[in-house]
Every structure is written in structure tokens, then in C-alpha cells.
Amino acid sequence: MEHLNAPVPAPASAAVPDPATGERRRRLFLLILGAIVVAWLAGQPMTLGAVSGVAHQDTGMASALLNTAQQVGGALGLAALSTISTSAADDRLPDAAANLYRAMGAKDFPLLAKAGEALTHGYTMAFVAAAVMFLAGLVVTFVAVNAGKQQHTEGAAPVHMG
């Protein structure tokens, strides 16, 4: 009968806190909302800067080139940041992501902590690299872009609609 009074072990979900609850969920929502607002505010000036100085009949092509460059740049940037993150995490703990899942399955909390620290280091290095890329792009923008106010031609028919 003594085994009935033994303490009940906590469920596995209690050992690893859920990152998407409460305050973390609110902060994540605000971060994503802020990113959307910044991207929305930056889109119009970026498009205007890309098509300034382009002949009126070529603005559609310039806009298409901008959209293509954004897509390709985003894909290459994501690939570079993923590589940086994975390499930095693996420098701290080889095969950190696999070790994280292995530790969660085996309930090996010391390995789980090491894998979490390694992955956090990797994500931090990726964010640092993204900040450096952003600053480099900012410098290039201020040095290379010299778009003045656009001149509107009266009576010119629109090249494209929508």
C-alpha cells in the first residue's frame, strides 16, 4: 500500500515550458505586427526609389525587376542566415538540433539544456549577421541612391493599370 502514497511524477510537458503561451505569445504577436508595419511603410518609398529616373514606358519593367530582386534576395538571405545559425550552433554542440529532439525524447535534461544553449547561440549569431547586413544595406542606400523628386508628365497615358 505504500506505493499509493508515492509522489506522482510530473508529465513530460511540465518539464519543458511551452514557448507559445502567455507573455511570450503576446510579445511574438507584437514583434510580427511591428515587422509587418515596417515592411508596409518601407514598401512604397522603396518602389519609388527603384523606378525613379526610369523612362515612363519602362516603369513596369523596373517594378518587375524590383519584385524579382526582392524574392531572390529574400531566398538567398534566408539560406545564408540558416547556414550561419546552424554552423554556430554546431560549433557549440555538434548536431545540436538532433540532440535537442533526442534529449526531449529521452528526458535527458542536461543534454536538453546544452542543445538549447547551442541553438540559442546559433540564432543569436544569425540575428547579428542580419543586423550587419541591414547596416551594410543602409550604407549602400545612402551612398548610392540619389533619386530626386519625380517629374510627372502632363497628359501622359498610364503604362499599366493595377
Protein backbone atom coordinates (compact mmCIF):
# COMPACT_ATOMS: atom_id res chain seq x y z
CA MET A 1 0.00 0.00 0.00
CA GLU A 2 2.97 2.27 0.42
CA HIS A 3 3.31 2.68 -3.35
CA LEU A 4 -0.03 4.53 -3.39
CA ASN A 5 1.50 7.37 -1.36
CA ALA A 6 4.48 7.78 -3.70
CA PRO A 7 4.74 11.17 -5.41
CA VAL A 8 3.29 11.33 -8.88
CA PRO A 9 5.89 12.33 -11.48
CA ALA A 10 5.17 15.48 -13.42
CA PRO A 11 4.06 15.00 -17.02
CA ALA A 12 6.70 15.45 -19.70
CA SER A 13 5.09 18.68 -20.84
CA ALA A 14 5.70 20.24 -17.41
CA ALA A 15 9.47 19.72 -17.76
CA VAL A 16 9.77 21.80 -20.93
CA PRO A 17 7.73 25.03 -20.80
CA ASP A 18 5.53 25.79 -23.77
CA PRO A 19 7.11 28.81 -25.51
CA ALA A 20 3.87 29.94 -27.15
CA THR A 21 1.85 30.83 -24.06
CA GLY A 22 1.03 33.96 -22.15
CA GLU A 23 3.55 36.77 -22.28
CA ARG A 24 5.70 35.11 -24.93
CA ARG A 25 2.74 34.81 -27.29
CA ARG A 26 1.86 38.49 -26.79
CA ARG A 27 5.46 39.59 -27.42
CA LEU A 28 5.69 37.43 -30.53
CA PHE A 29 2.44 38.90 -31.85
CA LEU A 30 3.69 42.46 -31.27
CA LEU A 31 7.03 41.66 -32.92
CA ILE A 32 5.35 40.22 -36.01
CA LEU A 33 2.89 43.13 -36.15
CA GLY A 34 5.79 45.59 -35.94
CA ALA A 35 7.63 43.82 -38.76
CA ILE A 36 4.53 43.96 -40.95
CA VAL A 37 4.07 47.68 -40.30
CA VAL A 38 7.73 48.44 -41.03
CA ALA A 39 7.63 46.41 -44.25
CA TRP A 40 4.42 48.17 -45.28
CA LEU A 41 5.87 51.62 -44.59
CA ALA A 42 9.11 50.82 -46.41
CA GLY A 43 7.46 49.31 -49.50
CA GLN A 44 6.21 52.48 -51.15
CA PRO A 45 9.42 54.54 -50.82
CA MET A 46 11.48 51.56 -51.95
CA THR A 47 9.36 51.13 -55.07
CA LEU A 48 9.50 54.85 -55.82
CA GLY A 49 13.28 54.81 -55.40
CA ALA A 50 13.60 51.84 -57.72
CA VAL A 51 11.58 53.35 -60.54
CA SER A 52 12.84 56.94 -60.25
CA GLY A 53 14.83 58.03 -63.23
CA VAL A 54 13.32 55.27 -65.38
CA ALA A 55 11.54 56.26 -68.57
CA HIS A 56 7.76 56.30 -68.17
CA GLN A 57 7.23 53.39 -70.57
CA ASP A 58 9.79 51.26 -68.66
CA THR A 59 8.39 51.66 -65.13
CA GLY A 60 6.52 48.36 -65.32
CA MET A 61 9.74 46.52 -66.16
CA ALA A 62 11.61 48.33 -63.37
CA SER A 63 8.88 47.38 -60.89
CA ALA A 64 9.02 43.74 -62.02
CA LEU A 65 12.79 43.76 -61.64
CA LEU A 66 12.41 45.12 -58.10
CA ASN A 67 9.94 42.38 -57.18
CA THR A 68 12.20 39.68 -58.62
CA ALA A 69 15.22 41.08 -56.77
CA GLN A 70 13.23 41.08 -53.51
CA GLN A 71 12.24 37.43 -53.95
CA VAL A 72 15.72 36.24 -54.90
CA GLY A 73 17.34 38.36 -52.19
CA GLY A 74 14.96 37.02 -49.56
CA ALA A 75 15.67 33.42 -50.56
CA LEU A 76 19.45 33.94 -50.58
CA GLY A 77 19.31 35.87 -47.30
CA LEU A 78 17.31 33.12 -45.61
CA ALA A 79 19.73 30.50 -46.88
CA ALA A 80 22.73 32.48 -45.61
CA LEU A 81 21.17 33.13 -42.19
CA SER A 82 20.12 29.48 -41.82
CA THR A 83 23.66 28.39 -42.64
CA ILE A 84 25.13 30.84 -40.12
CA SER A 85 22.68 29.72 -37.42
CA THR A 86 23.30 26.01 -37.99
CA SER A 87 27.08 26.41 -38.18
CA ALA A 88 27.24 28.49 -35.00
CA ALA A 89 25.02 26.03 -33.12
CA ASP A 90 27.04 23.05 -34.35
CA ASP A 91 30.26 24.77 -33.22
CA ARG A 92 28.89 24.76 -29.67
CA LEU A 93 27.35 21.27 -29.83
CA PRO A 94 27.71 19.06 -32.91
CA ASP A 95 24.31 18.21 -34.41
CA ALA A 96 22.56 20.50 -31.91
CA ALA A 97 19.06 20.26 -33.41
CA ALA A 98 19.09 16.45 -33.46
CA ASN A 99 20.45 16.41 -29.90
CA LEU A 100 17.59 18.67 -28.80
CA TYR A 101 14.97 16.24 -30.08
CA ARG A 102 16.91 13.25 -28.78
CA ALA A 103 17.12 14.85 -25.33
CA MET A 104 13.42 15.69 -25.31
CA GLY A 105 12.52 12.10 -26.18
CA ALA A 106 14.88 10.60 -23.59
CA LYS A 107 14.13 13.30 -20.98
CA ASP A 108 17.86 13.96 -20.74
CA PHE A 109 17.66 17.44 -19.21
CA PRO A 110 21.40 18.23 -19.13
CA LEU A 111 21.65 17.47 -22.87
CA LEU A 112 18.43 19.41 -23.44
CA ALA A 113 19.96 22.45 -21.72
CA LYS A 114 23.19 22.16 -23.76
CA ALA A 115 21.29 21.80 -27.03
CA GLY A 116 19.04 24.73 -26.14
CA GLU A 117 22.05 26.91 -25.35
CA ALA A 118 23.78 25.89 -28.59
CA LEU A 119 20.70 26.62 -30.70
CA THR A 120 20.15 29.94 -28.94
CA HIS A 121 23.75 30.87 -29.73
CA GLY A 122 23.15 29.94 -33.37
CA TYR A 123 20.00 32.06 -33.58
CA THR A 124 21.80 34.96 -31.92
CA MET A 125 24.63 34.80 -34.45
CA ALA A 126 22.09 34.74 -37.30
CA PHE A 127 20.39 37.86 -35.89
CA VAL A 128 23.77 39.59 -35.54
CA ALA A 129 24.56 38.73 -39.16
CA ALA A 130 21.15 40.05 -40.24
CA ALA A 131 21.81 43.31 -38.38
CA VAL A 132 25.20 43.66 -40.09
CA MET A 133 23.58 43.02 -43.49
CA PHE A 134 20.91 45.61 -42.69
CA LEU A 135 23.52 48.21 -41.75
CA ALA A 136 25.53 47.46 -44.90
CA GLY A 137 22.37 47.89 -46.99
CA LEU A 138 21.61 51.15 -45.21
CA VAL A 139 25.08 52.50 -46.01
CA VAL A 140 24.75 51.45 -49.66
CA THR A 141 21.33 53.08 -49.83
CA PHE A 142 22.55 56.42 -48.51
CA VAL A 143 25.68 56.38 -50.67
CA ALA A 144 24.33 55.00 -53.95
CA VAL A 145 20.74 56.15 -54.19
CA ASN A 146 20.39 59.77 -55.27
CA ALA A 147 16.81 59.85 -56.51
CA GLY A 148 15.30 63.29 -56.71
CA LYS A 149 11.69 64.31 -56.93
CA GLN A 150 9.96 62.68 -59.88
CA GLN A 151 8.61 64.82 -62.68
CA HIS A 152 5.08 63.95 -63.76
CA THR A 153 4.40 64.37 -67.45
CA GLU A 154 1.03 66.02 -68.01
CA GLY A 155 -1.23 64.20 -70.41
CA ALA A 156 0.86 61.02 -70.48
CA ALA A 157 -1.24 57.88 -70.68
CA PRO A 158 -0.70 55.31 -67.93
CA VAL A 159 1.51 52.43 -68.97
CA HIS A 160 -0.25 49.82 -66.85
CA MET A 161 -3.23 49.68 -64.56
CA GLY A 162 -3.48 47.99 -61.15
